[in-house]
Amino acid sequence: MPQADGTAGEALVYTDQWGSETRLLANTFFAAGTSQVGAGPSQAATHIQHYEEGGVYVRARGTELEQMYTAAGAVTQFTRDYVYLRPGTFVVYDRTTVAAGTADQWTAWHTPTVPTAVPTTDPTQTRYDISASGAVIGSVRSLLPKGAASKVVNVLGTVSRIENHAPSPASATDWLTVVSAGANVPEQVRLSAADGNVTSGAAVGVLVLGARNSVVLFSSCSAARRRHLPGRPDGGRRSRAHRHRSVDERLCDLRTRLGRSHCRGSDARRVVSAYREWNAELCRRARRNRHRVGARGWE
């Protein structure tokens, strides 16, 4: 913003981050009546729980993000899973819980120019393309919640903010967003039990169609939402659950490469079904460990 808007942009960034500390310029989750705070490691257990470099993909998970919000207790749970599919697709899965379920809630994504709404074959998705110098340079697509109430907010006349609001506010909400970089925006199919292409198991994700089709799945079981999944304890010793690398290590960033002839819905359902046992094991382990898996601190 300072480059695009000069002094005005620089002043806005400074005020947002260190003055009023509203942090409205962050690409994250928001809820009416609360705002982010700059809590340090001595004040919050927010941390990166997992990080994995997989060559054709990178995945990470941030947990206890709710401790970065005030007033205390307004946001009771916020976990963000992130998968980068090289060369230019980013899948972000947020799970949030708020104390006031009727409050307006949304995720925000900032773009360097005013985005253009583009129709999708699935009317429950929303898509905005970003252009510069007359060419498309990227896209932001909301897959969850279904039928998000999206709007574009002007920021200083240059930068824009896409806000995807929950159509029916609730205490717990899942947010699935795909950000594409480049002129070629891939078609995307949401995967979930509600869509009929996940036949068993608590999983949600997306099938990204392209020269190399990709399936990204995340666990959506309630036990995983409420507690940390088995990870690496303090001191560097790996727990048995971590050594076994159950579905928490695999499913959250599952990336299955399919040939173009295998990208239809029936094949996507077959791919998802193949991992139902992994997902069931994740839920069982999360429930079994919830009484002894707590905050790990910075890992």
Protein backbone atom coordinates (compact mmCIF):
# COMPACT_ATOMS: atom_id res chain seq x y z
CA MET A 1 0.00 0.00 0.00
CA PRO A 2 2.75 2.53 0.69
CA GLN A 3 4.00 1.97 -2.86
CA ALA A 4 0.55 2.44 -4.38
CA ASP A 5 -0.79 5.19 -2.10
CA GLY A 6 2.34 6.95 -0.88
CA THR A 7 2.12 8.70 2.48
CA ALA A 8 -1.59 7.94 2.90
CA GLY A 9 -0.96 4.23 2.41
CA GLU A 10 1.98 4.22 4.78
CA ALA A 11 -0.04 6.05 7.45
CA LEU A 12 -2.93 3.60 7.11
CA VAL A 13 -0.68 0.57 7.47
CA TYR A 14 1.05 2.06 10.52
CA THR A 15 -2.22 3.00 12.21
CA ASP A 16 -3.82 -0.36 11.47
CA GLN A 17 -0.89 -2.34 12.85
CA TRP A 18 0.49 -0.21 15.67
CA GLY A 19 -1.90 2.70 16.25
CA SER A 20 -5.54 1.69 16.53
CA GLU A 21 -4.41 -1.93 16.08
CA THR A 22 -7.64 -2.86 14.33
CA ARG A 23 -5.63 -5.03 11.92
CA LEU A 24 -8.30 -4.71 9.26
CA LEU A 25 -5.61 -5.12 6.60
CA ALA A 26 -4.93 -8.74 7.56
CA ASN A 27 -6.11 -11.64 5.38
CA THR A 28 -7.84 -13.46 8.20
CA PHE A 29 -11.08 -14.06 10.11
CA PHE A 30 -13.17 -11.29 11.62
CA ALA A 31 -16.24 -11.16 13.86
CA ALA A 32 -18.32 -8.14 14.86
CA GLY A 33 -17.52 -6.96 18.36
CA THR A 34 -13.96 -8.26 18.45
CA SER A 35 -10.59 -7.36 16.95
CA GLN A 36 -7.07 -8.73 16.77
CA VAL A 37 -4.35 -7.93 19.27
CA GLY A 38 -0.58 -8.19 19.12
CA ALA A 39 -0.05 -10.82 21.84
CA GLY A 40 3.49 -12.16 22.19
CA PRO A 41 4.64 -15.69 23.12
CA SER A 42 4.45 -14.90 26.84
CA GLN A 43 0.80 -13.88 26.43
CA ALA A 44 -0.54 -16.45 23.97
CA ALA A 45 0.10 -20.05 22.96
CA THR A 46 -0.60 -19.30 19.29
CA HIS A 47 1.83 -21.25 17.15
CA ILE A 48 2.50 -23.20 13.96
CA GLN A 49 1.62 -26.75 14.94
CA HIS A 50 2.72 -28.46 11.74
CA TYR A 51 4.80 -27.58 8.72
CA GLU A 52 5.71 -29.91 5.88
CA GLU A 53 7.57 -29.39 2.61
CA GLY A 54 6.40 -31.99 0.13
CA GLY A 55 8.03 -30.85 -3.09
CA VAL A 56 4.91 -30.36 -5.17
CA TYR A 57 3.10 -29.02 -2.09
CA VAL A 58 3.69 -27.26 1.22
CA ARG A 59 1.29 -27.46 4.12
CA ALA A 60 1.07 -25.84 7.53
CA ARG A 61 -1.35 -25.45 10.41
CA GLY A 62 -1.75 -22.53 12.81
CA THR A 63 -3.53 -23.23 16.10
CA GLU A 64 -4.86 -21.26 19.06
CA LEU A 65 -5.28 -18.24 16.83
CA GLU A 66 -8.27 -17.26 18.97
CA GLN A 67 -5.80 -15.95 21.57
CA MET A 68 -4.99 -13.12 19.15
CA TYR A 69 -8.47 -11.62 19.57
CA THR A 70 -10.05 -9.31 22.11
CA ALA A 71 -12.28 -9.18 24.11
CA ALA A 72 -11.06 -12.41 25.68
CA GLY A 73 -13.46 -15.26 24.99
CA ALA A 74 -15.18 -13.58 22.04
CA VAL A 75 -13.44 -15.97 19.62
CA THR A 76 -13.19 -19.32 21.38
CA GLN A 77 -11.49 -21.35 18.63
CA PHE A 78 -9.64 -20.56 15.40
CA THR A 79 -7.50 -23.04 13.47
CA ARG A 80 -6.11 -22.38 10.00
CA ASP A 81 -4.86 -25.13 7.68
CA TYR A 82 -2.95 -24.05 4.62
CA VAL A 83 -1.84 -26.02 1.58
CA TYR A 84 0.23 -24.55 -1.25
CA LEU A 85 0.05 -26.56 -4.47
CA ARG A 86 2.89 -25.53 -6.71
CA PRO A 87 3.08 -23.54 -8.85
CA GLY A 88 0.18 -21.22 -8.03
CA THR A 89 -2.73 -22.60 -5.98
CA PHE A 90 -3.30 -21.89 -2.28
CA VAL A 91 -6.01 -23.73 -0.33
CA VAL A 92 -6.97 -22.25 3.06
CA TYR A 93 -9.29 -24.02 5.48
CA ASP A 94 -10.37 -22.07 8.58
CA ARG A 95 -12.41 -23.46 11.47
CA THR A 96 -13.79 -20.84 13.84
CA THR A 97 -16.02 -20.76 16.89
CA VAL A 98 -17.34 -17.57 18.49
CA ALA A 99 -19.20 -16.94 21.73
CA ALA A 100 -21.89 -14.79 20.09
CA GLY A 101 -23.21 -17.01 17.32
CA THR A 102 -25.49 -14.28 15.95
CA ALA A 103 -22.59 -11.87 15.34
CA ASP A 104 -21.60 -11.01 11.77
CA GLN A 105 -18.54 -13.05 10.77
CA TRP A 106 -16.36 -12.94 7.67
CA THR A 107 -12.97 -13.65 6.13
CA ALA A 108 -11.06 -10.89 4.35
CA TRP A 109 -8.72 -11.04 1.33
CA HIS A 110 -6.93 -7.99 -0.03
CA THR A 111 -6.19 -7.40 -3.71
CA PRO A 112 -4.01 -4.78 -5.47
CA THR A 113 -6.85 -3.75 -7.83
CA VAL A 114 -10.63 -3.82 -7.79
CA PRO A 115 -11.66 -7.48 -8.29
CA THR A 116 -14.32 -8.58 -10.76
CA ALA A 117 -17.09 -11.01 -9.82
CA VAL A 118 -17.11 -14.04 -12.14
CA PRO A 119 -19.98 -16.56 -12.37
CA THR A 120 -19.26 -20.13 -11.27
CA THR A 121 -20.85 -23.39 -12.36
CA ASP A 122 -21.63 -24.02 -8.68
CA PRO A 123 -23.92 -21.17 -7.56
CA THR A 124 -22.98 -21.72 -3.89
CA GLN A 125 -19.41 -20.59 -4.66
CA THR A 126 -18.24 -17.01 -5.16
CA ARG A 127 -15.31 -16.07 -7.38
CA TYR A 128 -13.45 -12.81 -7.87
CA ASP A 129 -10.73 -12.38 -10.49
CA ILE A 130 -7.94 -9.83 -10.08
CA SER A 131 -6.55 -8.05 -13.12
CA ALA A 132 -3.65 -5.70 -13.78
CA SER A 133 -2.65 -4.03 -17.04
CA GLY A 134 -5.64 -5.64 -18.75
CA ALA A 135 -4.73 -9.22 -17.84
CA VAL A 136 -5.93 -11.60 -15.14
CA ILE A 137 -3.23 -12.16 -12.51
CA GLY A 138 -5.15 -14.21 -9.97
CA SER A 139 -8.43 -15.21 -8.41
CA VAL A 140 -10.04 -15.68 -4.99
CA ARG A 141 -12.81 -18.27 -4.67
CA SER A 142 -14.97 -18.98 -1.61
CA LEU A 143 -16.24 -22.57 -1.35
CA LEU A 144 -17.37 -22.55 2.28
CA PRO A 145 -19.59 -21.46 3.78
CA LYS A 146 -21.98 -22.17 0.94
CA GLY A 147 -23.57 -19.07 -0.53
CA ALA A 148 -21.29 -16.64 1.29
CA ALA A 149 -22.50 -13.06 1.19
CA SER A 150 -19.53 -11.45 -0.56
CA LYS A 151 -18.77 -7.79 -1.04
CA VAL A 152 -15.84 -5.65 -2.15
CA VAL A 153 -14.63 -2.83 0.11
CA ASN A 154 -12.55 0.01 -1.32
CA VAL A 155 -9.36 0.78 0.61
CA LEU A 156 -7.85 4.16 -0.25
CA GLY A 157 -9.01 3.90 -3.86
CA THR A 158 -6.38 1.39 -4.95
CA VAL A 159 -6.30 -1.70 -2.75
CA SER A 160 -9.58 -3.57 -2.36
CA ARG A 161 -10.80 -6.00 0.26
CA ILE A 162 -12.99 -9.02 -0.54
CA GLU A 163 -15.18 -9.85 2.44
CA ASN A 164 -16.92 -13.24 2.48
CA HIS A 165 -19.62 -13.08 5.16
CA ALA A 166 -21.36 -16.10 6.63
CA PRO A 167 -24.88 -16.11 5.11
CA SER A 168 -26.37 -17.43 8.37
CA PRO A 169 -24.14 -16.61 11.35
CA ALA A 170 -23.57 -19.50 13.75
CA SER A 171 -21.27 -20.28 16.66
CA ALA A 172 -19.10 -22.65 14.60
CA THR A 173 -18.27 -22.02 10.94
CA ASP A 174 -15.98 -23.65 8.39
CA TRP A 175 -14.35 -21.42 5.76
CA LEU A 176 -12.76 -22.89 2.64
CA THR A 177 -11.00 -20.51 0.25
CA VAL A 178 -8.83 -21.12 -2.81
CA VAL A 179 -6.46 -18.38 -4.00
CA SER A 180 -5.03 -18.81 -7.50
CA ALA A 181 -2.00 -16.93 -8.83
CA GLY A 182 -1.61 -16.41 -12.57
CA ALA A 183 -3.80 -16.03 -15.62
CA ASN A 184 -5.06 -19.62 -15.73
CA VAL A 185 -7.65 -20.03 -13.00
CA PRO A 186 -8.43 -23.75 -12.44
CA GLU A 187 -11.98 -25.04 -12.06
CA GLN A 188 -12.72 -26.27 -8.55
CA VAL A 189 -15.16 -28.79 -7.10
CA ARG A 190 -15.96 -28.72 -3.41
CA LEU A 191 -15.72 -32.12 -1.70
CA SER A 192 -17.95 -32.85 1.29
CA ALA A 193 -20.62 -35.21 2.54
CA ALA A 194 -23.23 -32.52 1.90
CA ASP A 195 -22.16 -32.37 -1.75
CA GLY A 196 -22.53 -36.13 -2.12
CA ASN A 197 -18.92 -36.75 -3.19
CA VAL A 198 -17.62 -37.81 0.24
CA THR A 199 -19.37 -41.11 0.90
CA SER A 200 -18.09 -41.69 4.44
CA GLY A 201 -15.82 -40.11 7.02
CA ALA A 202 -15.57 -36.53 8.28
CA ALA A 203 -13.67 -34.85 5.46
CA VAL A 204 -14.01 -31.66 3.47
CA GLY A 205 -11.86 -30.25 0.69
CA VAL A 206 -11.54 -29.40 -2.97
CA LEU A 207 -10.74 -31.03 -6.29
CA VAL A 208 -8.60 -28.61 -8.31
CA LEU A 209 -8.77 -29.38 -12.02
CA GLY A 210 -5.85 -28.61 -14.27
CA ALA A 211 -2.96 -30.12 -16.19
CA ARG A 212 -2.27 -32.02 -12.97
CA ASN A 213 -5.47 -32.50 -11.01
CA SER A 214 -5.20 -32.27 -7.24
CA VAL A 215 -7.38 -33.33 -4.32
CA VAL A 216 -6.88 -31.55 -1.00
CA LEU A 217 -8.76 -32.92 2.01
CA PHE A 218 -9.03 -31.73 5.59
CA SER A 219 -10.51 -33.48 8.59
CA SER A 220 -13.76 -31.87 9.71
CA CYS A 221 -14.53 -34.09 12.72
CA SER A 222 -15.70 -32.25 15.84
CA ALA A 223 -12.92 -33.62 18.04
CA ALA A 224 -10.30 -32.13 15.73
CA ARG A 225 -12.10 -28.78 15.89
CA ARG A 226 -12.12 -28.55 19.66
CA ARG A 227 -8.68 -29.82 20.59
CA HIS A 228 -5.12 -29.95 19.37
CA LEU A 229 -4.38 -33.05 17.39
CA PRO A 230 -1.39 -35.11 18.45
CA GLY A 231 1.75 -33.20 17.62
CA ARG A 232 5.27 -32.72 18.84
CA PRO A 233 5.59 -32.21 22.61
CA ASP A 234 7.98 -29.74 24.17
CA GLY A 235 11.53 -30.98 24.25
CA GLY A 236 11.51 -32.37 20.72
CA ARG A 237 10.30 -35.91 21.58
CA ARG A 238 7.70 -37.17 19.15
CA SER A 239 4.56 -38.76 20.55
CA ARG A 240 3.44 -42.23 19.46
CA ALA A 241 0.51 -40.69 17.59
CA HIS A 242 2.95 -38.42 15.76
CA ARG A 243 5.24 -41.30 14.86
CA HIS A 244 2.30 -43.23 13.47
CA ARG A 245 1.47 -40.24 11.28
CA SER A 246 -2.27 -40.84 11.22
CA VAL A 247 -4.63 -38.81 9.12
CA ASP A 248 -3.73 -35.53 10.83
CA GLU A 249 -0.32 -35.86 9.18
CA ARG A 250 -1.73 -37.06 5.88
CA LEU A 251 -5.30 -36.02 5.33
CA CYS A 252 -5.00 -32.29 6.00
CA ASP A 253 -2.75 -31.89 2.98
CA LEU A 254 -3.72 -35.00 0.99
CA ARG A 255 -2.69 -34.34 -2.54
CA THR A 256 -3.65 -37.05 -4.99
CA ARG A 257 -2.57 -36.63 -8.58
CA LEU A 258 -5.07 -37.88 -11.13
CA GLY A 259 -4.95 -38.06 -14.89
CA ARG A 260 -7.35 -35.82 -16.79
CA SER A 261 -9.44 -38.86 -17.66
CA HIS A 262 -9.99 -39.41 -13.94
CA CYS A 263 -11.33 -36.05 -12.87
CA ARG A 264 -15.05 -36.74 -12.95
CA GLY A 265 -17.24 -36.82 -9.87
CA SER A 266 -17.34 -40.61 -9.54
CA ASP A 267 -13.53 -40.74 -9.49
CA ALA A 268 -13.35 -37.93 -6.94
CA ARG A 269 -15.76 -39.89 -4.73
CA ARG A 270 -13.61 -43.00 -5.07
CA VAL A 271 -10.47 -41.06 -4.11
CA VAL A 272 -12.16 -39.59 -1.05
CA SER A 273 -13.62 -42.93 0.02
CA ALA A 274 -10.18 -44.54 -0.08
CA TYR A 275 -9.17 -42.46 2.94
CA ARG A 276 -12.24 -43.00 5.13
CA GLU A 277 -10.36 -45.34 7.46
CA TRP A 278 -7.57 -42.82 7.95
CA ASN A 279 -10.11 -40.17 8.78
CA ALA A 280 -11.95 -42.42 11.24
CA GLU A 281 -8.65 -43.15 12.96
CA LEU A 282 -7.96 -39.41 13.25
CA CYS A 283 -11.26 -38.82 15.00
CA ARG A 284 -10.74 -41.77 17.34
CA ARG A 285 -7.25 -40.61 18.30
CA ALA A 286 -8.34 -37.00 18.74
CA ARG A 287 -11.12 -38.05 21.11
CA ARG A 288 -8.86 -40.45 22.98
CA ASN A 289 -6.15 -37.82 23.45
CA ARG A 290 -8.26 -34.74 24.10
CA HIS A 291 -7.88 -35.07 27.88
CA ARG A 292 -4.07 -35.08 27.67
CA VAL A 293 -3.23 -33.07 24.55
CA GLY A 294 -3.13 -29.42 25.57
CA ALA A 295 -1.30 -26.27 24.66
CA ARG A 296 2.21 -27.04 23.44
CA GLY A 297 3.55 -23.53 23.45
CA TRP A 298 5.79 -22.53 20.58
CA GLU A 299 6.86 -25.66 18.69
